[in-house]
Protein backbone atom coordinates (compact mmCIF):
# COMPACT_ATOMS: atom_id res chain seq x y z
CA MET A 1 8.65 12.23 -26.05
CA GLU A 2 9.37 10.59 -22.68
CA SER A 3 6.52 8.68 -21.08
CA ARG A 4 5.17 9.76 -17.72
CA ILE A 5 6.59 6.71 -15.95
CA VAL A 6 10.10 7.39 -17.29
CA LYS A 7 9.91 10.92 -15.88
CA GLN A 8 8.55 9.64 -12.57
CA ALA A 9 11.28 7.01 -12.31
CA ARG A 10 13.95 9.66 -12.92
CA GLU A 11 12.40 12.01 -10.38
CA PHE A 12 12.24 9.29 -7.75
CA CYS A 13 15.78 8.00 -8.36
CA SER A 14 17.31 11.48 -8.29
CA SER A 15 16.01 11.77 -4.73
CA LEU A 16 16.93 8.27 -3.52
CA PHE A 17 20.33 8.04 -5.28
CA SER A 18 21.20 11.71 -5.64
CA GLU A 19 24.93 11.10 -6.18
CA MET A 20 24.68 8.31 -8.78
CA GLU A 21 24.50 8.56 -12.54
CA LEU A 22 21.91 6.04 -13.63
CA SER A 23 20.81 4.71 -16.99
CA GLU A 24 17.14 4.68 -17.92
CA SER A 25 16.97 0.91 -17.42
CA GLN A 26 18.57 1.19 -13.96
CA GLU A 27 16.09 3.91 -13.02
CA PHE A 28 13.20 1.65 -13.98
CA GLU A 29 14.70 -1.24 -11.98
CA ILE A 30 15.00 0.96 -8.88
CA PHE A 31 11.59 2.53 -9.39
CA SER A 32 9.80 -0.79 -9.84
CA THR A 33 11.48 -2.38 -6.82
CA ALA A 34 10.89 0.61 -4.56
CA MET A 35 7.25 1.09 -5.52
CA LEU A 36 6.45 -2.53 -4.73
CA ALA A 37 8.40 -2.40 -1.46
CA THR A 38 6.63 0.75 -0.29
CA THR A 39 3.18 -0.66 -0.94
CA LEU A 40 3.84 -4.14 0.52
CA ALA A 41 5.41 -2.89 3.77
CA ASN A 42 3.75 -0.90 6.51
CA LYS A 43 6.70 1.38 7.21
CA VAL A 44 9.67 2.02 4.93
CA ASP A 45 13.13 3.34 5.75
CA ASN A 46 14.93 4.95 2.79
CA GLU A 47 18.25 3.35 3.71
CA ILE A 48 16.67 -0.10 3.62
CA LEU A 49 14.90 0.88 0.39
CA LYS A 50 18.26 1.62 -1.25
CA ASP A 51 19.44 -1.90 -0.44
CA THR A 52 16.48 -3.50 -2.23
CA TRP A 53 18.00 -2.67 -5.64
CA LEU A 54 20.72 -5.24 -6.31
CA ASN A 55 22.69 -3.21 -8.89
CA ASP A 56 24.23 -6.38 -10.25
CA ASN A 57 24.12 -8.27 -13.52
CA ILE A 58 22.12 -11.25 -12.23
CA SER A 59 20.01 -13.03 -14.79
CA GLY A 60 16.31 -12.52 -14.06
CA ILE A 61 16.65 -10.55 -10.80
CA ASP A 62 16.99 -6.77 -10.44
CA GLY A 63 15.59 -6.29 -6.95
CA PHE A 64 15.12 -8.34 -3.80
CA PHE A 65 13.61 -7.63 -0.40
CA ILE A 66 11.88 -9.50 2.41
CA ILE A 67 8.54 -8.65 4.01
CA ILE A 68 8.41 -10.09 7.52
CA ASP A 69 5.08 -9.51 9.26
CA ASN A 70 4.47 -6.42 7.11
CA ALA A 71 7.91 -4.91 7.82
CA LEU A 72 10.55 -4.31 5.11
CA TYR A 73 13.98 -5.97 5.30
CA SER A 74 16.88 -6.25 2.89
CA ILE A 75 19.70 -8.79 2.63
CA ASN A 76 21.79 -6.36 4.68
CA ASN A 77 19.56 -6.07 7.74
CA TYR A 78 17.36 -9.19 7.98
CA SER A 79 19.88 -10.59 10.46
CA THR A 80 18.41 -8.30 13.15
CA ILE A 81 15.46 -10.71 13.30
CA LEU A 82 17.89 -13.55 14.04
CA GLU A 83 19.99 -11.55 16.48
CA ASN A 84 16.92 -10.55 18.48
CA ASN A 85 15.54 -14.09 18.20
CA GLU A 86 12.18 -12.64 17.16
CA ASP A 87 9.35 -14.96 16.17
CA PHE A 88 7.40 -14.15 13.02
CA LYS A 89 4.17 -15.26 11.41
CA GLU A 90 4.75 -14.61 7.71
CA VAL A 91 7.76 -14.14 5.42
CA LYS A 92 7.58 -13.08 1.79
CA PHE A 93 10.78 -13.26 -0.29
CA CYS A 94 10.11 -10.71 -3.03
CA PHE A 95 12.03 -10.83 -6.32
CA ILE A 96 11.70 -8.14 -8.99
CA GLU A 97 12.69 -8.26 -12.65
CA ALA A 98 12.13 -4.97 -14.49
CA LYS A 99 12.25 -4.44 -18.26
CA ASN A 100 11.95 -0.87 -19.50
CA SER A 101 11.60 -2.11 -23.08
CA SER A 102 8.05 -2.60 -24.31
CA HIS A 103 9.23 -5.67 -26.27
CA VAL A 104 9.44 -8.71 -23.99
CA ASP A 105 9.01 -12.42 -24.51
CA TYR A 106 8.77 -15.40 -22.18
CA LYS A 107 12.56 -15.85 -22.18
CA SER A 108 12.72 -12.66 -20.10
CA ILE A 109 10.69 -14.24 -17.33
CA LEU A 110 12.09 -17.76 -17.68
CA SER A 111 15.56 -16.55 -16.68
CA PHE A 112 14.21 -15.71 -13.22
CA TYR A 113 12.83 -19.20 -12.63
CA ASN A 114 16.13 -20.72 -13.75
CA THR A 115 18.08 -18.47 -11.39
CA LEU A 116 15.70 -19.18 -8.50
CA GLU A 117 16.10 -22.91 -9.05
CA LYS A 118 19.88 -22.47 -8.82
CA ILE A 119 19.41 -20.72 -5.48
CA PHE A 120 17.34 -23.56 -4.04
CA LYS A 121 19.73 -26.19 -5.39
CA SER A 122 22.74 -24.31 -3.96
CA GLN A 123 24.28 -23.95 -7.41
CA CYS A 124 25.07 -20.24 -7.05
CA GLU A 125 28.32 -18.95 -8.49
CA GLU A 126 27.65 -15.23 -8.02
CA GLU A 127 28.38 -13.85 -4.55
CA LEU A 128 25.09 -11.94 -4.40
CA LEU A 129 23.03 -15.03 -5.20
CA THR A 130 24.87 -16.89 -2.44
CA THR A 131 23.89 -14.09 -0.05
CA ILE A 132 20.23 -14.37 -1.09
CA MET A 133 20.40 -18.14 -0.68
CA GLN A 134 21.84 -17.67 2.82
CA CYS A 135 19.05 -15.25 3.69
CA ILE A 136 16.35 -17.73 2.63
CA ASN A 137 18.08 -20.59 4.46
CA ASP A 138 18.55 -18.57 7.66
CA LEU A 139 14.90 -17.58 7.88
CA TYR A 140 13.76 -21.07 6.91
CA GLU A 141 15.87 -22.64 9.68
CA LYS A 142 14.63 -20.03 12.16
CA SER A 143 11.02 -20.80 11.21
CA LYS A 144 11.47 -24.51 11.96
CA LYS A 145 12.47 -23.73 15.56
CA GLN A 146 9.31 -21.76 16.27
CA LYS A 147 6.41 -23.26 18.15
CA ASN A 148 3.96 -21.96 15.53
CA ILE A 149 5.43 -22.61 12.07
CA PRO A 150 5.12 -19.44 9.95
CA CYS A 151 4.21 -19.18 6.28
CA LEU A 152 7.18 -18.70 3.91
CA LYS A 153 6.52 -17.75 0.31
CA ILE A 154 8.21 -16.47 -2.87
CA ASN A 155 6.60 -13.48 -4.60
CA PHE A 156 7.93 -12.73 -8.09
CA TYR A 157 7.07 -9.44 -9.79
CA PHE A 158 7.84 -9.02 -13.49
CA CYS A 159 7.56 -5.31 -14.28
CA THR A 160 7.39 -3.74 -17.73
CA GLN A 161 6.32 -0.42 -19.22
CA LYS A 162 3.50 -2.08 -21.09
CA THR A 163 -0.07 -0.86 -20.69
CA GLU A 164 -2.51 -2.78 -18.52
CA THR A 165 -4.30 -4.19 -21.57
CA LYS A 166 -1.06 -5.59 -22.96
CA ILE A 167 -0.11 -6.97 -19.55
CA SER A 168 -3.42 -8.82 -19.46
CA ASP A 169 -2.66 -10.26 -22.91
CA LEU A 170 0.80 -11.35 -21.73
CA ARG A 171 -0.65 -13.10 -18.72
CA GLU A 172 -3.07 -15.01 -20.90
CA SER A 173 -0.43 -16.08 -23.42
CA TRP A 174 2.15 -17.04 -20.76
CA GLU A 175 -0.25 -18.70 -18.33
CA LYS A 176 0.71 -22.32 -19.10
CA GLU A 177 4.45 -21.63 -19.05
CA ILE A 178 4.19 -19.72 -15.77
CA LYS A 179 2.22 -22.53 -14.11
CA LYS A 180 4.76 -25.11 -15.26
CA SER A 181 7.68 -23.05 -13.95
CA GLU A 182 5.89 -22.42 -10.66
CA GLU A 183 5.26 -26.14 -10.19
CA ASP A 184 9.01 -26.78 -10.43
CA ILE A 185 9.72 -24.13 -7.78
CA LYS A 186 6.93 -25.36 -5.49
CA GLU A 187 9.03 -28.44 -4.77
CA PHE A 188 11.04 -26.07 -2.58
CA MET A 189 8.63 -23.28 -1.56
CA GLU A 190 5.27 -21.74 -2.45
CA ILE A 191 5.50 -19.12 -5.21
CA GLU A 192 3.23 -16.54 -6.79
CA THR A 193 4.01 -14.72 -10.06
CA ASN A 194 2.68 -11.24 -10.80
CA LEU A 195 2.97 -9.33 -14.08
CA ILE A 196 3.04 -5.58 -13.46
CA GLY A 197 2.42 -2.77 -15.95
CA SER A 198 3.26 0.92 -15.98
CA GLU A 199 -0.16 2.11 -14.81
CA PHE A 200 0.03 0.15 -11.57
CA LEU A 201 3.52 1.46 -10.72
CA ARG A 202 2.49 4.99 -11.61
CA LYS A 203 -0.53 4.84 -9.30
CA ILE A 204 1.63 3.69 -6.40
CA TYR A 205 4.08 6.54 -7.01
CA GLU A 206 1.39 9.19 -7.22
CA VAL A 207 -0.36 7.96 -4.08
CA ASN A 208 2.95 7.89 -2.18
CA LYS A 209 3.90 11.33 -3.43
CA THR A 210 0.67 13.10 -2.57
CA GLU A 211 0.01 10.96 0.52
CA GLN A 212 -3.64 11.86 0.05
CA THR A 213 -6.46 9.37 0.19
CA SER A 214 -10.04 10.59 0.04
CA ILE A 215 -13.38 8.93 0.64
CA SER A 216 -16.96 10.01 -0.06
CA ILE A 217 -19.67 8.93 2.38
CA PRO A 218 -23.39 9.56 1.87
CA LYS A 219 -24.74 12.24 4.21
CA ASN A 220 -27.53 9.94 5.34
CA ASN A 221 -24.87 7.60 6.80
CA LEU A 222 -23.32 10.23 9.09
CA THR A 223 -24.24 12.47 11.99
CA CYS A 224 -22.23 15.63 12.61
CA ILE A 225 -21.70 15.89 16.37
CA SER A 226 -19.30 18.88 16.21
CA ASP A 227 -17.57 20.99 13.59
CA LYS A 228 -14.68 18.48 13.62
CA CYS A 229 -16.32 15.13 14.26
CA PHE A 230 -18.73 12.80 12.46
CA ILE A 231 -20.06 9.44 13.59
CA GLY A 232 -22.04 6.91 11.60
CA TYR A 233 -21.40 3.96 9.34
CA VAL A 234 -19.66 3.18 6.07
CA ASN A 235 -19.94 0.38 3.54
CA ALA A 236 -16.89 -1.91 3.85
CA LEU A 237 -16.38 -2.20 0.10
CA SER A 238 -16.34 1.57 -0.41
CA ILE A 239 -13.57 2.14 2.12
CA LEU A 240 -11.52 -0.81 0.83
CA LYS A 241 -11.68 0.61 -2.69
CA ALA A 242 -10.71 4.07 -1.40
CA ILE A 243 -7.57 2.88 0.38
CA SER A 244 -6.29 0.27 -2.09
CA ILE A 245 -4.78 0.19 -5.55
CA GLU A 246 -6.09 -2.34 -8.02
CA HIS A 247 -4.53 -3.69 -11.19
CA ASP A 248 -6.11 -6.55 -13.09
CA ASN A 249 -6.21 -9.33 -10.46
CA ILE A 250 -3.74 -7.66 -8.07
CA LYS A 251 -4.94 -5.53 -5.16
CA VAL A 252 -2.64 -3.83 -2.65
CA LEU A 253 -3.33 -1.56 0.30
CA ASN A 254 -2.09 2.01 0.39
CA ASN A 255 -0.22 1.69 3.68
CA ASN A 256 0.09 5.47 4.06
CA VAL A 257 -3.38 5.39 5.63
CA PHE A 258 -1.91 3.56 8.65
CA GLU A 259 0.84 6.13 9.23
CA ASP A 260 -0.61 7.23 12.58
CA ASN A 261 -1.89 3.83 13.71
CA ILE A 262 0.03 2.71 16.81
CA ARG A 263 -0.95 -0.93 16.23
CA LEU A 264 0.23 -2.33 12.91
CA PHE A 265 -1.41 -5.38 11.36
CA LEU A 266 -0.57 -8.37 13.55
CA GLY A 267 -1.02 -10.94 10.79
CA ASP A 268 -2.63 -14.34 11.08
CA THR A 269 -3.82 -14.12 14.70
CA SER A 270 -6.91 -15.78 16.16
CA ILE A 271 -8.64 -12.39 16.32
CA ASN A 272 -8.03 -11.70 12.64
CA LYS A 273 -9.13 -15.21 11.70
CA ASN A 274 -12.36 -14.58 13.61
CA ILE A 275 -12.90 -11.34 11.71
CA GLN A 276 -12.54 -13.16 8.40
CA GLU A 277 -14.82 -15.99 9.52
CA THR A 278 -17.47 -13.45 10.53
CA VAL A 279 -17.25 -11.93 7.04
CA GLN A 280 -17.75 -15.32 5.43
CA HIS A 281 -20.56 -16.63 7.62
CA ARG A 282 -22.28 -13.71 9.42
CA SER A 283 -21.60 -10.71 7.23
CA GLU A 284 -25.08 -9.22 7.70
CA ASN A 285 -24.38 -8.85 11.45
CA PHE A 286 -20.71 -7.84 11.17
CA HIS A 287 -21.38 -4.44 12.76
CA LEU A 288 -22.71 -6.17 15.89
CA TYR A 289 -19.40 -7.94 16.54
CA ASN A 290 -16.89 -5.27 15.49
CA ASN A 291 -15.89 -2.00 17.16
CA GLY A 292 -15.49 -0.28 13.80
CA LEU A 293 -13.01 2.35 12.64
CA THR A 294 -11.65 5.67 13.83
CA LEU A 295 -10.29 7.94 11.09
CA ILE A 296 -8.63 11.33 11.12
CA ASN A 297 -8.76 13.67 8.14
CA ALA A 298 -7.08 16.95 7.22
CA LYS A 299 -10.10 18.61 5.61
CA SER A 300 -13.58 17.84 4.33
CA GLU A 301 -16.06 19.03 1.72
CA ASN A 302 -19.80 19.34 2.03
CA GLY A 303 -21.10 17.95 -1.27
CA MET A 304 -24.63 17.71 -2.58
CA LYS A 305 -25.27 14.16 -1.36
CA ASP A 306 -21.94 13.16 0.20
CA TYR A 307 -19.37 14.37 2.67
CA ILE A 308 -15.89 14.09 1.14
CA PHE A 309 -13.00 13.54 3.55
CA HIS A 310 -9.44 14.23 2.34
CA SER A 311 -6.06 12.93 3.57
CA ILE A 312 -7.64 10.24 5.71
CA ARG A 313 -5.67 8.12 8.17
CA ILE A 314 -6.95 5.04 9.99
CA ILE A 315 -5.86 5.30 13.63
CA ASN A 316 -8.04 2.53 15.03
CA GLY A 317 -9.24 -0.50 13.10
CA CYS A 318 -6.02 -1.68 11.44
CA GLN A 319 -6.80 -5.34 12.20
CA THR A 320 -10.35 -4.98 10.88
CA ILE A 321 -9.32 -3.31 7.61
CA ASN A 322 -6.43 -5.69 6.92
CA SER A 323 -8.58 -8.73 7.66
CA LEU A 324 -11.34 -7.43 5.38
CA PHE A 325 -8.72 -6.68 2.74
CA GLU A 326 -7.54 -10.30 2.82
CA VAL A 327 -11.10 -11.28 1.88
CA TYR A 328 -11.35 -8.47 -0.70
CA LYS A 329 -8.15 -9.29 -2.57
CA ASN A 330 -8.89 -13.02 -2.74
CA SER A 331 -12.58 -12.79 -3.72
CA LYS A 332 -13.85 -12.72 -7.27
CA SER A 333 -17.18 -11.30 -6.11
CA ASN A 334 -17.64 -8.25 -3.87
CA GLU A 335 -21.22 -9.08 -2.94
CA THR A 336 -20.39 -10.12 0.63
CA LEU A 337 -18.35 -6.98 1.33
CA GLU A 338 -21.07 -4.77 -0.13
CA ASN A 339 -23.39 -6.02 2.61
CA ILE A 340 -20.99 -5.27 5.47
CA ILE A 341 -21.54 -2.11 7.49
CA LEU A 342 -18.73 -0.68 9.61
CA PRO A 343 -19.33 1.76 12.49
CA ILE A 344 -17.09 4.79 11.92
CA LYS A 345 -15.86 7.92 13.69
CA ILE A 346 -14.13 10.63 11.63
CA ILE A 347 -12.19 13.40 13.39
CA GLU A 348 -10.60 16.38 11.66
CA ALA A 349 -7.09 16.89 13.05
CA ILE A 350 -3.86 18.39 11.71
CA ASP A 351 -1.75 19.10 14.81
CA GLU A 352 0.74 16.25 15.40
CA ASP A 353 0.34 16.19 19.18
CA GLU A 354 -3.44 16.09 18.85
CA ILE A 355 -3.22 13.23 16.34
CA GLU A 356 -0.92 11.26 18.65
CA PHE A 357 -3.27 11.80 21.60
CA ILE A 358 -6.34 10.71 19.60
CA ALA A 359 -4.53 7.63 18.26
CA THR A 360 -3.31 6.57 21.70
CA SER A 361 -6.70 7.12 23.33
CA ALA A 362 -8.54 5.21 20.60
CA ASN A 363 -6.32 2.16 21.00
CA ARG A 364 -6.17 2.04 24.79
CA GLN A 365 -9.70 0.66 25.04
CA ASN A 366 -8.60 -2.55 23.31
CA GLN A 367 -6.21 -3.37 26.15
CA ILE A 368 -8.63 -2.92 29.06
CA ASP A 369 -9.23 -6.64 29.63
CA THR A 370 -5.49 -7.40 29.77
CA TYR A 371 -4.83 -4.51 32.17
CA GLN A 372 -7.61 -5.58 34.50
CA LEU A 373 -6.25 -9.12 34.66
CA LEU A 374 -2.71 -7.93 35.35
CA SER A 375 -3.78 -5.37 37.95
CA ASN A 376 -5.07 -8.11 40.24
CA ARG A 377 -1.79 -10.03 40.28
CA GLU A 378 0.26 -9.83 43.45
CA PHE A 379 3.34 -8.42 41.74
CA PHE A 380 1.47 -5.35 40.49
CA LYS A 381 -0.04 -4.76 43.91
CA GLU A 382 3.49 -4.78 45.33
CA LEU A 383 4.63 -2.48 42.54
CA GLU A 384 1.88 0.00 43.46
CA LYS A 385 3.03 0.00 47.10
CA TYR A 386 6.69 0.41 46.13
CA PHE A 387 5.94 3.42 43.94
CA CYS A 388 3.92 5.10 46.71
CA LYS A 389 6.52 4.72 49.48
CA ASN A 390 9.55 5.98 47.50
CA THR A 391 10.50 9.48 46.39
CA ILE A 392 13.19 11.21 44.37
CA ASN A 393 13.63 14.96 44.78
CA ASN A 394 10.57 14.92 47.05
CA LYS A 395 8.39 13.62 44.20
CA THR A 396 6.23 10.51 44.43
CA ILE A 397 5.04 8.38 41.52
CA PHE A 398 1.46 7.18 41.78
CA TYR A 399 0.93 4.00 39.76
CA LYS A 400 -2.72 3.80 38.70
CA ARG A 401 -2.91 0.03 38.88
CA ARG A 402 -6.62 -0.36 38.16
CA MET A 403 -8.63 1.03 35.30
CA GLY A 404 -10.62 4.10 36.27
CA GLN A 405 -8.46 5.11 39.24
CA GLU A 406 -8.36 8.86 39.72
CA SER A 407 -5.05 10.68 39.47
CA LYS A 408 -3.50 11.99 42.68
CA GLN A 409 -2.64 15.62 43.11
CA ASP A 410 0.99 16.51 43.85
CA CYS A 411 2.09 13.15 42.42
CA ILE A 412 3.48 11.97 39.09
CA ASN A 413 0.69 9.75 37.76
CA VAL A 414 1.59 6.77 35.57
CA ASP A 415 -0.17 3.69 34.21
CA LEU A 416 1.00 0.43 32.65
CA LEU A 417 1.45 2.11 29.25
CA ILE A 418 4.03 4.54 30.65
CA ILE A 419 5.77 1.75 32.56
CA MET A 420 5.98 -0.33 29.37
CA ARG A 421 7.42 2.61 27.40
CA SER A 422 9.97 3.06 30.17
CA LEU A 423 11.01 -0.60 30.06
CA MET A 424 11.26 -0.69 26.25
CA SER A 425 13.45 2.42 26.43
CA THR A 426 15.79 0.90 29.03
CA VAL A 427 15.82 -2.70 30.25
CA PHE A 428 14.39 -4.23 27.06
CA GLN A 429 16.76 -2.06 24.93
CA ILE A 430 14.27 -1.47 22.11
CA PRO A 431 13.48 2.29 22.08
CA HIS A 432 12.58 2.13 18.37
CA ARG A 433 9.79 -0.34 19.13
CA ALA A 434 8.36 2.08 21.69
CA SER A 435 8.41 4.81 19.03
CA GLY A 436 6.85 2.97 16.11
CA TYR A 437 5.61 -0.47 17.09
CA PHE A 438 4.56 0.06 20.69
CA ASP A 439 1.24 -1.77 20.70
CA SER A 440 2.32 -4.94 18.90
CA THR A 441 5.56 -5.10 20.94
CA MET A 442 3.77 -4.58 24.25
CA ASN A 443 1.46 -7.49 23.46
CA LYS A 444 4.52 -9.75 23.29
CA TYR A 445 5.47 -8.85 26.88
CA LEU A 446 2.05 -9.02 28.53
CA GLN A 447 2.16 -12.81 28.99
CA SER A 448 5.62 -12.56 30.56
CA PHE A 449 4.27 -9.96 32.97
CA GLU A 450 1.60 -12.42 34.08
CA ASN A 451 4.36 -14.70 35.39
CA LEU A 452 6.50 -11.97 36.98
CA ASN A 453 6.87 -12.43 40.74
CA LYS A 454 10.37 -11.22 41.60
CA GLU A 455 10.02 -8.43 44.17
CA SER A 456 13.39 -6.87 43.31
CA TYR A 457 11.96 -5.98 39.90
CA CYS A 458 9.76 -3.40 41.64
CA LYS A 459 12.92 -1.45 42.37
CA LEU A 460 14.14 -1.76 38.78
CA ILE A 461 10.80 -0.78 37.23
CA TYR A 462 10.50 2.16 39.60
CA ILE A 463 13.87 3.71 38.74
CA VAL A 464 13.60 3.30 34.95
CA THR A 465 10.06 4.71 35.00
CA TYR A 466 11.37 7.71 36.89
CA LEU A 467 14.17 8.12 34.36
CA PHE A 468 11.73 8.06 31.43
CA ILE A 469 9.48 10.65 33.12
CA PHE A 470 12.47 12.91 33.80
CA VAL A 471 13.61 12.75 30.18
CA GLU A 472 10.10 13.27 28.78
CA ASP A 473 9.49 16.22 31.10
CA TYR A 474 12.79 17.85 30.14
CA LEU A 475 12.07 17.53 26.39
CA ASN A 476 8.49 18.77 26.72
CA ASN A 477 9.65 21.88 28.56
CA MET A 478 12.21 22.89 25.96
CA THR A 479 11.47 26.31 24.48
CA LYS A 480 12.55 25.24 20.99
CA LYS A 481 9.56 23.66 19.22
CA ASP A 482 10.86 21.06 16.77
CA LYS A 483 10.81 17.26 16.59
CA THR A 484 13.16 16.77 19.55
CA HIS A 485 10.37 15.72 21.94
CA LEU A 486 9.80 12.65 19.74
CA LEU A 487 13.23 11.37 20.86
CA LYS A 488 12.05 10.63 24.40
CA HIS A 489 12.49 6.85 24.04
CA HIS A 490 15.89 7.04 22.32
CA ILE A 491 17.33 9.64 24.69
CA THR A 492 16.08 7.67 27.69
CA PHE A 493 17.96 4.67 26.32
CA ILE A 494 21.11 6.74 25.79
CA VAL A 495 21.01 8.06 29.37
CA PHE A 496 20.35 4.51 30.62
CA LYS A 497 23.37 3.18 28.70
CA ILE A 498 25.63 5.99 29.91
CA ALA A 499 24.59 5.55 33.53
CA ASN A 500 25.19 1.79 33.30
CA ILE A 501 28.43 1.68 31.32
CA ASN A 502 30.18 0.08 34.31
CA VAL A 503 27.29 -2.30 35.03
CA ASN A 504 27.22 -5.71 33.39
CA ILE A 505 23.85 -5.63 31.62
CA LYS A 506 23.02 -8.40 29.19
CA LYS A 507 20.97 -7.77 26.08
CA PRO A 508 17.58 -9.56 26.20
CA LYS A 509 17.59 -12.82 24.25
CA LYS A 510 14.20 -12.39 22.66
CA GLN A 511 11.46 -9.81 22.39
CA GLY A 512 8.64 -10.70 24.74
CA GLU A 513 10.88 -12.25 27.39
CA ILE A 514 11.74 -10.24 30.49
CA PRO A 515 15.52 -10.51 31.05
CA GLU A 516 16.78 -12.19 34.21
CA TRP A 517 18.64 -9.67 36.38
CA ASP A 518 20.20 -10.65 39.69
CA ASN A 519 19.81 -8.44 42.76
CA GLU A 520 23.34 -7.05 42.49
CA THR A 521 22.79 -5.82 38.92
CA ILE A 522 19.43 -4.28 39.87
CA ASN A 523 21.00 -2.48 42.85
CA ASP A 524 23.91 -1.20 40.75
CA THR A 525 21.56 0.11 38.07
CA TYR A 526 19.29 1.71 40.66
CA ASN A 527 22.19 3.47 42.37
CA GLU A 528 23.68 4.81 39.13
CA ILE A 529 20.38 6.22 37.85
CA TYR A 530 19.34 7.50 41.29
CA ALA A 531 22.60 9.42 41.65
CA LEU A 532 22.04 11.02 38.25
CA LEU A 533 18.41 12.02 38.90
CA SER A 534 19.08 13.30 42.40
CA ASP A 535 21.17 16.19 41.10
CA ILE A 536 18.99 18.24 38.74
CA SER A 537 21.84 20.47 37.57
CA ILE A 538 23.96 17.49 36.48
CA PHE A 539 20.97 15.88 34.77
CA LYS A 540 20.21 19.06 32.81
CA LYS A 541 23.84 19.45 31.74
CA LEU A 542 23.92 15.84 30.58
CA MET A 543 20.68 16.25 28.61
CA SER A 544 22.00 19.38 26.94
CA TYR A 545 25.23 17.58 26.07
CA ILE A 546 23.36 14.59 24.61
CA LEU A 547 21.13 16.83 22.47
CA GLU A 548 24.18 18.67 21.18
CA LYS A 549 25.94 15.44 20.15
CA ILE A 550 22.83 13.75 18.80
CA ASN A 551 22.49 16.59 16.32
CA ASN A 552 25.47 15.07 14.48
CA THR A 553 23.61 11.79 13.92
CA ASP A 554 20.57 10.64 11.95
CA LEU A 555 18.47 11.34 15.04
CA LYS A 556 18.76 15.10 14.55
CA SER A 557 15.43 16.90 14.34
CA SER A 558 15.79 17.77 10.64
CA LYS A 559 16.28 14.07 9.79
CA ILE A 560 13.22 13.13 11.84
CA ALA A 561 11.16 15.64 9.86
CA GLN A 562 12.71 14.58 6.54
CA THR A 563 11.90 10.89 7.11
CA LYS A 564 8.48 11.70 8.60
CA GLN A 565 9.61 10.14 11.89
CA LYS A 566 10.43 6.79 10.24
CA ILE A 567 14.09 7.02 11.32
CA LEU A 568 12.73 6.56 14.86
CA TYR A 569 11.36 3.13 13.94
CA SER A 570 14.80 1.73 13.03
CA PRO A 571 17.11 0.16 15.65
CA ILE A 572 19.21 2.82 17.32
CA ASN A 573 22.47 1.39 15.95
CA LYS A 574 21.06 2.13 12.49
CA ALA A 575 20.74 5.85 13.28
CA ILE A 576 23.98 5.85 15.32
CA PRO A 577 26.12 3.07 13.76
CA ASP A 578 28.84 2.86 16.43
CA PHE A 579 26.42 3.26 19.31
CA ASP A 580 28.55 1.83 22.13
CA THR A 581 31.44 4.16 21.26
CA PHE A 582 28.98 7.04 21.05
CA CYS A 583 27.79 6.30 24.59
CA SER A 584 31.33 5.88 25.91
CA GLN A 585 32.23 9.32 24.57
CA LEU A 586 29.07 10.79 26.04
CA GLN A 587 29.99 9.46 29.47
CA GLU A 588 32.56 12.23 29.56
CA GLY A 589 29.56 14.55 29.73
CA ILE A 590 28.78 13.21 33.19
CA ILE A 591 32.37 13.80 34.28
CA ASN A 592 32.36 17.32 32.82
CA ALA A 593 29.00 18.05 34.45
CA LYS A 594 30.34 17.07 37.86
CA SER A 595 33.53 19.10 37.48
């Protein structure tokens, strides 16, 4: 009789590689690699996931992927980090060897170390190993050029179908050999070896499949303030156990719980270091220094002593939870975490728009200090004046420069968040970051905004903000209710590219840096977009034409639903491979609209 994990591996592979005939050993290789990738990365794209399986006869390596600041990359797309000249804080080169046989000896694991040593010594004969070597070298060289040197590390996962008890026995019997092999590799880079059994992989699969995480909280800890909202406190250890998967000495977070969090874990920042230091030295007063968590849940049960919340998502508190988890996974004793109390708010919500609104509102408070500092700078005062004195189609944009300003009637009211979304969707050319990584990306630009003093940029920011509002308004007013409204950033970028096909616009060198545009380029861009927005009939025809053509790409609404919006988090040339040609063809839509 087939084991449960064999059936699960086949079920998973038939979905990911539907057109391939796979052997049982290949299925286990794919399954093991994919399960580890999905639990180590915050967001996973299926196309990248396919590339993590090497499908090659390399001794000791069946799968390979890279985790860069919690994001998943393969050997086929890591170059985007280099092309965008993005800085990073942490890189994990993850190697997987999977044996579906229950009979394994140390020779099975030794072959990996030998192959890895060949990679570091540039003794690769196989083309694929040379590619992996190039990947490691590229990211290593990039790391040396950064002001803050990031942490680079090898993570090796040896997966078998053995039970957890037998895996524990293997670890004990191989401990000396593993340490010796690791010492040899550490001459080149830090390395950590993990032995994985069937139970651990199965748990990851089942959690990913159901996407349900539940937590029980004593009634005495909570106050019900409405039929859909509780406030109170929760023990840190209880929530960490609820949202993580544990196997022997390995603990990993179930990243599904952060699906609706607009700020992913930012890594080894000063804030997160402070959180961990507070845990270590002032744990009894942790709740005095931390804002706590905001959760959403799909449904709840009223138990005898506890409230049970199902399908929980953490929409505010990602940094807190990840920082606490770093302590949790590295501690032998949980005594400190047992004493930590976290303030908590739990809101029942199912509607997607409501969830997005709650998530955005919960995270805005964390940016108040930065907004207040920026609002007093001369450039933003000038920007406020520019917005007020200009109109398109008799409509004025009111920029609420200061926190707490009231909205103006008969105006389009915007704040810095909307302006930033507009810029990411146009000038910065990163609509996918506005869709899935908005908060962390915005933080990269805030310092650059502090130094912005070029008055002509008021004109540029004004017109691209207007464009974004026009696109968003058009999509929100569509009678067809599907996922199309989620394309507001991507479609804004497409319209921006079409309008500026004849304008020489350079791609930004690096995320976080505001590109240098001369006055001529700004004027040309302004005129092209202004002409488009001034004629509502032409704009509507163009939007209709774009939506028609986009339905033939991976940005179609059915694909957005199928990938649970994750296709929106990939660069646009991933969803539309020949993007420049696509835009050139769409430009004919403007010509047709005018004729």
